[in-house]
């Protein structure tokens, strides 16, 4: 069974569970899945019940789809994402984005927890992703192109929608949310970066670094889905932070930032 057949299979299953088609997709990173708890009249589908879906293995990721209404909009949220470092194929990592497009999603909000490289950032800041650096050594579009999904050579000039960035900045100002801006560097993981790698990333223009998001955004743009990206700066990166980096620190910081995060994303959805 090829990817197109799998997508049709999964789409048929999800449509049987839904009574409305979502137009906005949400990918919720480490510690940020709490947003899905705000979805009204939710249909909750564990990943292990969905045909051809992989299963998330990362602490802080619930591992389920939540479909329902948020601020009057029909949304589908991934409460936990997949990472290449978990041992999934790059096709599996990006499969949910293909599914979102197939069931009607036109706009995607991707969130993540990231290490801060910009020395003006503080742990707990929310960063609007202006652009990314793909340093994973992977691309989800490698292999035969399926024209049903998108073009062979998709343009990435505007990987992150300028109009959605403008909307997010306006919403942040209006609602008193401090929103910094920067470039997200996508690394493979699962080890955190060395201080030398962080100095290199700083030199080439990265503001924050993480182990997700980039493959999802490439896949979304290939399919013509508009993307907005928000990082929670969960820690300062190696060589900048005086602390030993741990996933527990990531989870603690996202917990402290969650009210600002929830406010920002909900008001953005209202304005979309």
C-alpha atoms as a PDB file:
ATOM      1  CA  UNK A   1       0.000   0.000   0.000  1.00  0.00           C
ATOM      2  CA  UNK A   2       1.525   3.351  -1.044  1.00  0.00           C
ATOM      3  CA  UNK A   3       1.200   6.635   0.864  1.00  0.00           C
ATOM      4  CA  UNK A   4      -1.741   7.848  -1.214  1.00  0.00           C
ATOM      5  CA  UNK A   5      -3.704   4.669  -0.489  1.00  0.00           C
ATOM      6  CA  UNK A   6      -2.845   4.927   3.224  1.00  0.00           C
ATOM      7  CA  UNK A   7      -4.028   8.542   3.317  1.00  0.00           C
ATOM      8  CA  UNK A   8      -7.337   7.582   1.697  1.00  0.00           C
ATOM      9  CA  UNK A   9      -7.726   4.760   4.221  1.00  0.00           C
ATOM     10  CA  UNK A  10      -7.026   7.006   7.223  1.00  0.00           C
ATOM     11  CA  UNK A  11      -9.211   9.800   5.840  1.00  0.00           C
ATOM     12  CA  UNK A  12     -12.154   7.403   5.497  1.00  0.00           C
ATOM     13  CA  UNK A  13     -11.718   6.279   9.121  1.00  0.00           C
ATOM     14  CA  UNK A  14     -11.501   9.826  10.523  1.00  0.00           C
ATOM     15  CA  UNK A  15     -14.461  11.092   8.513  1.00  0.00           C
ATOM     16  CA  UNK A  16     -16.531   8.288  10.025  1.00  0.00           C
ATOM     17  CA  UNK A  17     -15.679   9.721  13.469  1.00  0.00           C
ATOM     18  CA  UNK A  18     -16.292  13.411  12.685  1.00  0.00           C
ATOM     19  CA  UNK A  19     -19.472  15.397  12.208  1.00  0.00           C
ATOM     20  CA  UNK A  20     -17.669  18.516  10.866  1.00  0.00           C
ATOM     21  CA  UNK A  21     -14.563  19.094   8.792  1.00  0.00           C
ATOM     22  CA  UNK A  22     -11.746  21.051  10.470  1.00  0.00           C
ATOM     23  CA  UNK A  23     -10.105  23.913   8.584  1.00  0.00           C
ATOM     24  CA  UNK A  24      -7.422  24.715  11.176  1.00  0.00           C
ATOM     25  CA  UNK A  25      -4.804  22.202  12.313  1.00  0.00           C
ATOM     26  CA  UNK A  26      -2.749  22.396  15.502  1.00  0.00           C
ATOM     27  CA  UNK A  27       0.479  20.520  16.226  1.00  0.00           C
ATOM     28  CA  UNK A  28       1.142  20.759  19.961  1.00  0.00           C
ATOM     29  CA  UNK A  29       4.690  20.172  21.191  1.00  0.00           C
ATOM     30  CA  UNK A  30       6.206  19.109  24.518  1.00  0.00           C
ATOM     31  CA  UNK A  31       4.200  20.462  27.439  1.00  0.00           C
ATOM     32  CA  UNK A  32       1.863  22.415  25.129  1.00  0.00           C
ATOM     33  CA  UNK A  33      -0.820  19.779  24.587  1.00  0.00           C
ATOM     34  CA  UNK A  34      -2.960  21.441  27.257  1.00  0.00           C
ATOM     35  CA  UNK A  35      -4.473  23.617  24.523  1.00  0.00           C
ATOM     36  CA  UNK A  36      -6.369  20.576  23.220  1.00  0.00           C
ATOM     37  CA  UNK A  37      -8.151  20.359  26.592  1.00  0.00           C
ATOM     38  CA  UNK A  38      -9.870  23.652  25.702  1.00  0.00           C
ATOM     39  CA  UNK A  39     -11.527  22.196  22.592  1.00  0.00           C
ATOM     40  CA  UNK A  40     -15.318  22.030  22.959  1.00  0.00           C
ATOM     41  CA  UNK A  41     -17.403  18.922  22.199  1.00  0.00           C
ATOM     42  CA  UNK A  42     -14.200  17.029  21.469  1.00  0.00           C
ATOM     43  CA  UNK A  43     -13.892  13.842  19.513  1.00  0.00           C
ATOM     44  CA  UNK A  44     -10.769  12.191  20.940  1.00  0.00           C
ATOM     45  CA  UNK A  45      -9.034   9.485  18.920  1.00  0.00           C
ATOM     46  CA  UNK A  46      -5.884   7.803  20.297  1.00  0.00           C
ATOM     47  CA  UNK A  47      -3.158   7.421  17.697  1.00  0.00           C
ATOM     48  CA  UNK A  48      -3.026   3.663  18.156  1.00  0.00           C
ATOM     49  CA  UNK A  49      -6.649   3.409  16.953  1.00  0.00           C
ATOM     50  CA  UNK A  50      -6.026   5.299  13.693  1.00  0.00           C
ATOM     51  CA  UNK A  51      -5.084   3.236  10.614  1.00  0.00           C
ATOM     52  CA  UNK A  52      -1.436   3.753   9.547  1.00  0.00           C
ATOM     53  CA  UNK A  53      -0.678   6.244  12.348  1.00  0.00           C
ATOM     54  CA  UNK A  54       2.546   5.841  14.308  1.00  0.00           C
ATOM     55  CA  UNK A  55       2.527   6.203  18.126  1.00  0.00           C
ATOM     56  CA  UNK A  56       4.337   8.968  20.043  1.00  0.00           C
ATOM     57  CA  UNK A  57       6.835   7.823  22.677  1.00  0.00           C
ATOM     58  CA  UNK A  58       7.867  11.181  24.185  1.00  0.00           C
ATOM     59  CA  UNK A  59       6.996  12.211  27.758  1.00  0.00           C
ATOM     60  CA  UNK A  60       4.595  15.160  27.705  1.00  0.00           C
ATOM     61  CA  UNK A  61       2.897  14.009  24.499  1.00  0.00           C
ATOM     62  CA  UNK A  62      -0.577  12.521  25.085  1.00  0.00           C
ATOM     63  CA  UNK A  63      -0.647  10.744  21.723  1.00  0.00           C
ATOM     64  CA  UNK A  64      -4.131  11.491  20.392  1.00  0.00           C
ATOM     65  CA  UNK A  65      -6.087  13.560  17.904  1.00  0.00           C
ATOM     66  CA  UNK A  66      -8.668  15.961  19.298  1.00  0.00           C
ATOM     67  CA  UNK A  67     -11.309  17.311  16.908  1.00  0.00           C
ATOM     68  CA  UNK A  68     -13.901  19.915  17.845  1.00  0.00           C
ATOM     69  CA  UNK A  69     -14.550  23.640  18.189  1.00  0.00           C
ATOM     70  CA  UNK A  70     -12.179  26.249  19.559  1.00  0.00           C
ATOM     71  CA  UNK A  71     -13.294  29.864  19.587  1.00  0.00           C
ATOM     72  CA  UNK A  72     -16.002  29.045  17.064  1.00  0.00           C
ATOM     73  CA  UNK A  73     -13.638  27.390  14.567  1.00  0.00           C
ATOM     74  CA  UNK A  74     -13.521  23.685  13.776  1.00  0.00           C
ATOM     75  CA  UNK A  75     -10.011  22.473  14.579  1.00  0.00           C
ATOM     76  CA  UNK A  76      -8.014  19.268  14.695  1.00  0.00           C
ATOM     77  CA  UNK A  77      -5.192  19.090  17.225  1.00  0.00           C
ATOM     78  CA  UNK A  78      -2.305  16.685  17.461  1.00  0.00           C
ATOM     79  CA  UNK A  79      -1.798  16.265  21.192  1.00  0.00           C
ATOM     80  CA  UNK A  80       1.757  15.036  20.754  1.00  0.00           C
ATOM     81  CA  UNK A  81       3.782  14.762  17.555  1.00  0.00           C
ATOM     82  CA  UNK A  82       6.233  12.289  16.031  1.00  0.00           C
ATOM     83  CA  UNK A  83       9.989  12.777  15.755  1.00  0.00           C
ATOM     84  CA  UNK A  84      12.538  11.174  13.471  1.00  0.00           C
ATOM     85  CA  UNK A  85      14.744  10.467  16.500  1.00  0.00           C
ATOM     86  CA  UNK A  86      12.078   8.113  17.897  1.00  0.00           C
ATOM     87  CA  UNK A  87      12.924   5.739  15.071  1.00  0.00           C
ATOM     88  CA  UNK A  88       9.973   6.638  12.848  1.00  0.00           C
ATOM     89  CA  UNK A  89      10.466   7.040   9.118  1.00  0.00           C
ATOM     90  CA  UNK A  90      10.307  10.601   7.804  1.00  0.00           C
ATOM     91  CA  UNK A  91       7.083   9.558   6.047  1.00  0.00           C
ATOM     92  CA  UNK A  92       5.557   8.579   9.393  1.00  0.00           C
ATOM     93  CA  UNK A  93       6.703  11.803  11.068  1.00  0.00           C
ATOM     94  CA  UNK A  94       4.848  13.900   8.492  1.00  0.00           C
ATOM     95  CA  UNK A  95       1.920  11.557   7.829  1.00  0.00           C
ATOM     96  CA  UNK A  96      -0.505  13.455  10.129  1.00  0.00           C
ATOM     97  CA  UNK A  97       0.050  16.630   8.095  1.00  0.00           C
ATOM     98  CA  UNK A  98      -0.970  14.761   4.934  1.00  0.00           C
ATOM     99  CA  UNK A  99      -4.070  13.604   6.772  1.00  0.00           C
ATOM    100  CA  UNK A 100      -4.952  17.096   7.979  1.00  0.00           C
ATOM    101  CA  UNK A 101      -4.809  18.385   4.414  1.00  0.00           C
ATOM    102  CA  UNK A 102      -6.887  15.439   3.178  1.00  0.00           C
ATOM    103  CA  UNK A 103      -9.734  16.157   5.630  1.00  0.00           C
ATOM    104  CA  UNK A 104      -9.906  19.872   4.858  1.00  0.00           C
ATOM    105  CA  UNK A 105      -7.262  21.752   6.864  1.00  0.00           C
ATOM    106  CA  UNK A 106      -6.168  24.962   5.137  1.00  0.00           C
ATOM    107  CA  UNK A 107      -4.159  26.625   7.911  1.00  0.00           C
ATOM    108  CA  UNK A 108      -1.754  24.984  10.355  1.00  0.00           C
ATOM    109  CA  UNK A 109      -0.373  26.264  13.657  1.00  0.00           C
ATOM    110  CA  UNK A 110       2.771  24.373  14.687  1.00  0.00           C
ATOM    111  CA  UNK A 111       4.152  24.769  18.197  1.00  0.00           C
ATOM    112  CA  UNK A 112       7.241  23.436  19.887  1.00  0.00           C
ATOM    113  CA  UNK A 113       9.532  23.767  22.872  1.00  0.00           C
ATOM    114  CA  UNK A 114      12.910  25.130  21.760  1.00  0.00           C
ATOM    115  CA  UNK A 115      16.266  26.095  23.198  1.00  0.00           C
ATOM    116  CA  UNK A 116      17.022  29.806  23.086  1.00  0.00           C
ATOM    117  CA  UNK A 117      20.142  30.884  21.178  1.00  0.00           C
ATOM    118  CA  UNK A 118      19.484  34.627  20.941  1.00  0.00           C
ATOM    119  CA  UNK A 119      21.066  36.040  24.107  1.00  0.00           C
ATOM    120  CA  UNK A 120      18.160  38.473  24.511  1.00  0.00           C
ATOM    121  CA  UNK A 121      15.716  35.599  24.973  1.00  0.00           C
ATOM    122  CA  UNK A 122      14.665  34.278  28.363  1.00  0.00           C
ATOM    123  CA  UNK A 123      13.273  30.889  29.305  1.00  0.00           C
ATOM    124  CA  UNK A 124       9.491  31.169  29.021  1.00  0.00           C
ATOM    125  CA  UNK A 125       9.466  33.575  26.059  1.00  0.00           C
ATOM    126  CA  UNK A 126       7.158  32.825  23.149  1.00  0.00           C
ATOM    127  CA  UNK A 127       8.887  33.150  19.771  1.00  0.00           C
ATOM    128  CA  UNK A 128       7.138  33.758  16.466  1.00  0.00           C
ATOM    129  CA  UNK A 129       8.962  31.643  13.878  1.00  0.00           C
ATOM    130  CA  UNK A 130       9.897  33.856  10.923  1.00  0.00           C
ATOM    131  CA  UNK A 131      11.760  31.152   9.025  1.00  0.00           C
ATOM    132  CA  UNK A 132      13.688  27.940   9.625  1.00  0.00           C
ATOM    133  CA  UNK A 133      17.002  26.243   8.950  1.00  0.00           C
ATOM    134  CA  UNK A 134      16.674  22.587   8.004  1.00  0.00           C
ATOM    135  CA  UNK A 135      19.775  21.013   9.554  1.00  0.00           C
ATOM    136  CA  UNK A 136      18.280  17.558  10.034  1.00  0.00           C
ATOM    137  CA  UNK A 137      19.874  16.053   6.939  1.00  0.00           C
ATOM    138  CA  UNK A 138      16.384  14.872   5.984  1.00  0.00           C
ATOM    139  CA  UNK A 139      13.581  16.096   3.748  1.00  0.00           C
ATOM    140  CA  UNK A 140      10.110  14.518   3.739  1.00  0.00           C
ATOM    141  CA  UNK A 141       9.788  15.085  -0.016  1.00  0.00           C
ATOM    142  CA  UNK A 142      12.697  12.812  -0.992  1.00  0.00           C
ATOM    143  CA  UNK A 143      11.558  10.021  -3.303  1.00  0.00           C
ATOM    144  CA  UNK A 144       8.971   9.911  -6.076  1.00  0.00           C
ATOM    145  CA  UNK A 145       6.699  12.956  -6.003  1.00  0.00           C
ATOM    146  CA  UNK A 146       2.958  12.381  -5.747  1.00  0.00           C
ATOM    147  CA  UNK A 147       1.334  15.147  -7.776  1.00  0.00           C
ATOM    148  CA  UNK A 148      -1.888  14.628  -5.812  1.00  0.00           C
ATOM    149  CA  UNK A 149      -0.063  16.082  -2.790  1.00  0.00           C
ATOM    150  CA  UNK A 150       1.898  18.907  -4.395  1.00  0.00           C
ATOM    151  CA  UNK A 151       4.602  19.932  -6.901  1.00  0.00           C
ATOM    152  CA  UNK A 152       7.996  18.255  -7.283  1.00  0.00           C
ATOM    153  CA  UNK A 153       9.864  21.450  -6.307  1.00  0.00           C
ATOM    154  CA  UNK A 154       7.752  23.478  -3.857  1.00  0.00           C
ATOM    155  CA  UNK A 155       8.762  27.085  -3.180  1.00  0.00           C
ATOM    156  CA  UNK A 156       9.779  27.751   0.440  1.00  0.00           C
ATOM    157  CA  UNK A 157      10.177  31.531   0.191  1.00  0.00           C
ATOM    158  CA  UNK A 158       7.265  31.879   2.595  1.00  0.00           C
ATOM    159  CA  UNK A 159       7.448  28.689   4.641  1.00  0.00           C
ATOM    160  CA  UNK A 160       5.747  30.616   7.449  1.00  0.00           C
ATOM    161  CA  UNK A 161       2.891  32.797   6.254  1.00  0.00           C
ATOM    162  CA  UNK A 162       3.694  36.507   6.441  1.00  0.00           C
ATOM    163  CA  UNK A 163       0.014  37.359   6.787  1.00  0.00           C
ATOM    164  CA  UNK A 164      -0.389  34.945   9.714  1.00  0.00           C
ATOM    165  CA  UNK A 165       2.784  36.343  11.305  1.00  0.00           C
ATOM    166  CA  UNK A 166       1.338  39.836  11.013  1.00  0.00           C
ATOM    167  CA  UNK A 167      -1.921  38.618  12.540  1.00  0.00           C
ATOM    168  CA  UNK A 168      -0.086  36.953  15.433  1.00  0.00           C
ATOM    169  CA  UNK A 169       1.930  40.104  16.188  1.00  0.00           C
ATOM    170  CA  UNK A 170      -1.224  42.244  16.203  1.00  0.00           C
ATOM    171  CA  UNK A 171      -3.002  39.792  18.504  1.00  0.00           C
ATOM    172  CA  UNK A 172      -0.005  39.683  20.866  1.00  0.00           C
ATOM    173  CA  UNK A 173       0.094  43.479  21.156  1.00  0.00           C
ATOM    174  CA  UNK A 174      -3.672  43.723  21.629  1.00  0.00           C
ATOM    175  CA  UNK A 175      -3.721  41.134  24.413  1.00  0.00           C
ATOM    176  CA  UNK A 176      -0.493  42.046  26.179  1.00  0.00           C
ATOM    177  CA  UNK A 177       1.452  38.907  25.279  1.00  0.00           C
ATOM    178  CA  UNK A 178       5.207  39.347  24.901  1.00  0.00           C
ATOM    179  CA  UNK A 179       6.101  37.776  21.545  1.00  0.00           C
ATOM    180  CA  UNK A 180       9.690  37.702  20.335  1.00  0.00           C
ATOM    181  CA  UNK A 181      10.660  36.746  16.778  1.00  0.00           C
ATOM    182  CA  UNK A 182      13.353  34.617  15.241  1.00  0.00           C
ATOM    183  CA  UNK A 183      14.620  31.776  13.067  1.00  0.00           C
ATOM    184  CA  UNK A 184      14.136  28.182  14.215  1.00  0.00           C
ATOM    185  CA  UNK A 185      16.930  25.673  13.562  1.00  0.00           C
ATOM    186  CA  UNK A 186      15.720  22.101  13.173  1.00  0.00           C
ATOM    187  CA  UNK A 187      18.207  19.466  14.357  1.00  0.00           C
ATOM    188  CA  UNK A 188      17.875  15.696  14.369  1.00  0.00           C
ATOM    189  CA  UNK A 189      18.299  14.986  18.115  1.00  0.00           C
ATOM    190  CA  UNK A 190      17.740  13.314  20.505  1.00  0.00           C
ATOM    191  CA  UNK A 191      20.940  14.580  22.151  1.00  0.00           C
ATOM    192  CA  UNK A 192      20.991  18.264  22.967  1.00  0.00           C
ATOM    193  CA  UNK A 193      23.469  20.368  21.031  1.00  0.00           C
ATOM    194  CA  UNK A 194      27.052  20.985  22.120  1.00  0.00           C
ATOM    195  CA  UNK A 195      28.193  24.531  22.989  1.00  0.00           C
ATOM    196  CA  UNK A 196      30.223  24.527  19.734  1.00  0.00           C
ATOM    197  CA  UNK A 197      27.110  23.640  17.734  1.00  0.00           C
ATOM    198  CA  UNK A 198      25.185  26.439  19.423  1.00  0.00           C
ATOM    199  CA  UNK A 199      27.934  28.939  18.534  1.00  0.00           C
ATOM    200  CA  UNK A 200      27.736  27.697  14.932  1.00  0.00           C
ATOM    201  CA  UNK A 201      23.937  28.035  14.882  1.00  0.00           C
ATOM    202  CA  UNK A 202      24.183  31.556  16.262  1.00  0.00           C
ATOM    203  CA  UNK A 203      26.694  32.455  13.540  1.00  0.00           C
ATOM    204  CA  UNK A 204      24.418  31.242  10.736  1.00  0.00           C
ATOM    205  CA  UNK A 205      21.388  33.141  12.034  1.00  0.00           C
ATOM    206  CA  UNK A 206      19.432  30.768  14.278  1.00  0.00           C
ATOM    207  CA  UNK A 207      17.519  32.263  17.199  1.00  0.00           C
ATOM    208  CA  UNK A 208      16.288  28.982  18.688  1.00  0.00           C
ATOM    209  CA  UNK A 209      16.864  25.281  18.162  1.00  0.00           C
ATOM    210  CA  UNK A 210      14.707  22.169  18.414  1.00  0.00           C
ATOM    211  CA  UNK A 211      14.142  18.634  17.159  1.00  0.00           C
ATOM    212  CA  UNK A 212      10.790  18.917  15.348  1.00  0.00           C
ATOM    213  CA  UNK A 213       8.591  21.198  13.207  1.00  0.00           C
ATOM    214  CA  UNK A 214      10.743  21.528  10.068  1.00  0.00           C
ATOM    215  CA  UNK A 215       9.587  18.290   8.336  1.00  0.00           C
ATOM    216  CA  UNK A 216       5.962  19.111   9.197  1.00  0.00           C
ATOM    217  CA  UNK A 217       6.226  22.612   7.753  1.00  0.00           C
ATOM    218  CA  UNK A 218       7.869  21.410   4.534  1.00  0.00           C
ATOM    219  CA  UNK A 219       5.069  18.848   4.107  1.00  0.00           C
ATOM    220  CA  UNK A 220       2.353  21.410   4.827  1.00  0.00           C
ATOM    221  CA  UNK A 221       3.744  23.889   2.324  1.00  0.00           C
ATOM    222  CA  UNK A 222       4.116  21.138  -0.286  1.00  0.00           C
ATOM    223  CA  UNK A 223       0.367  20.611   0.106  1.00  0.00           C
ATOM    224  CA  UNK A 224      -0.485  24.311  -0.046  1.00  0.00           C
ATOM    225  CA  UNK A 225      -1.358  24.619   3.646  1.00  0.00           C
ATOM    226  CA  UNK A 226      -0.616  28.018   5.219  1.00  0.00           C
ATOM    227  CA  UNK A 227       1.616  27.792   8.316  1.00  0.00           C
ATOM    228  CA  UNK A 228       2.106  29.758  11.525  1.00  0.00           C
ATOM    229  CA  UNK A 229       4.848  28.660  13.933  1.00  0.00           C
ATOM    230  CA  UNK A 230       5.260  29.479  17.647  1.00  0.00           C
ATOM    231  CA  UNK A 231       8.125  28.246  19.838  1.00  0.00           C
ATOM    232  CA  UNK A 232       8.117  28.262  23.620  1.00  0.00           C
ATOM    233  CA  UNK A 233      11.692  29.048  24.646  1.00  0.00           C
ATOM    234  CA  UNK A 234      11.863  26.346  27.271  1.00  0.00           C
ATOM    235  CA  UNK A 235      15.536  26.712  28.167  1.00  0.00           C
ATOM    236  CA  UNK A 236      18.653  28.553  27.109  1.00  0.00           C
ATOM    237  CA  UNK A 237      20.828  26.420  24.845  1.00  0.00           C
ATOM    238  CA  UNK A 238      24.115  24.701  25.753  1.00  0.00           C
ATOM    239  CA  UNK A 239      26.941  27.108  26.506  1.00  0.00           C
ATOM    240  CA  UNK A 240      24.397  29.878  27.192  1.00  0.00           C
ATOM    241  CA  UNK A 241      22.567  28.214  30.064  1.00  0.00           C
ATOM    242  CA  UNK A 242      24.598  27.546  33.221  1.00  0.00           C
ATOM    243  CA  UNK A 243      22.427  24.485  33.865  1.00  0.00           C
ATOM    244  CA  UNK A 244      22.628  20.906  32.644  1.00  0.00           C
ATOM    245  CA  UNK A 245      19.914  20.551  29.969  1.00  0.00           C
ATOM    246  CA  UNK A 246      17.097  18.122  30.779  1.00  0.00           C
ATOM    247  CA  UNK A 247      13.658  17.326  29.402  1.00  0.00           C
ATOM    248  CA  UNK A 248      12.276  17.967  32.904  1.00  0.00           C
ATOM    249  CA  UNK A 249      13.417  21.588  32.620  1.00  0.00           C
ATOM    250  CA  UNK A 250      11.607  21.838  29.275  1.00  0.00           C
ATOM    251  CA  UNK A 251       8.382  20.552  30.830  1.00  0.00           C
ATOM    252  CA  UNK A 252       8.663  22.855  33.868  1.00  0.00           C
ATOM    253  CA  UNK A 253       9.149  25.961  31.730  1.00  0.00           C
ATOM    254  CA  UNK A 254       6.297  25.180  29.346  1.00  0.00           C
ATOM    255  CA  UNK A 255       4.062  24.679  32.399  1.00  0.00           C
ATOM    256  CA  UNK A 256       4.960  28.189  33.632  1.00  0.00           C
ATOM    257  CA  UNK A 257       4.359  29.678  30.170  1.00  0.00           C
ATOM    258  CA  UNK A 258       1.129  27.869  29.411  1.00  0.00           C
ATOM    259  CA  UNK A 259      -1.303  30.664  30.327  1.00  0.00           C
ATOM    260  CA  UNK A 260       0.358  33.150  27.969  1.00  0.00           C
ATOM    261  CA  UNK A 261       0.620  30.437  25.322  1.00  0.00           C
ATOM    262  CA  UNK A 262      -3.057  29.500  25.659  1.00  0.00           C
ATOM    263  CA  UNK A 263      -4.158  33.126  25.501  1.00  0.00           C
ATOM    264  CA  UNK A 264      -2.077  33.846  22.407  1.00  0.00           C
ATOM    265  CA  UNK A 265      -3.097  30.787  20.391  1.00  0.00           C
ATOM    266  CA  UNK A 266      -6.796  31.083  21.266  1.00  0.00           C
ATOM    267  CA  UNK A 267      -6.899  34.766  20.310  1.00  0.00           C
ATOM    268  CA  UNK A 268      -5.044  34.026  17.054  1.00  0.00           C
ATOM    269  CA  UNK A 269      -7.617  31.347  16.201  1.00  0.00           C
ATOM    270  CA  UNK A 270     -10.416  33.805  16.975  1.00  0.00           C
ATOM    271  CA  UNK A 271      -8.879  36.282  14.529  1.00  0.00           C
ATOM    272  CA  UNK A 272      -8.156  33.743  11.755  1.00  0.00           C
END
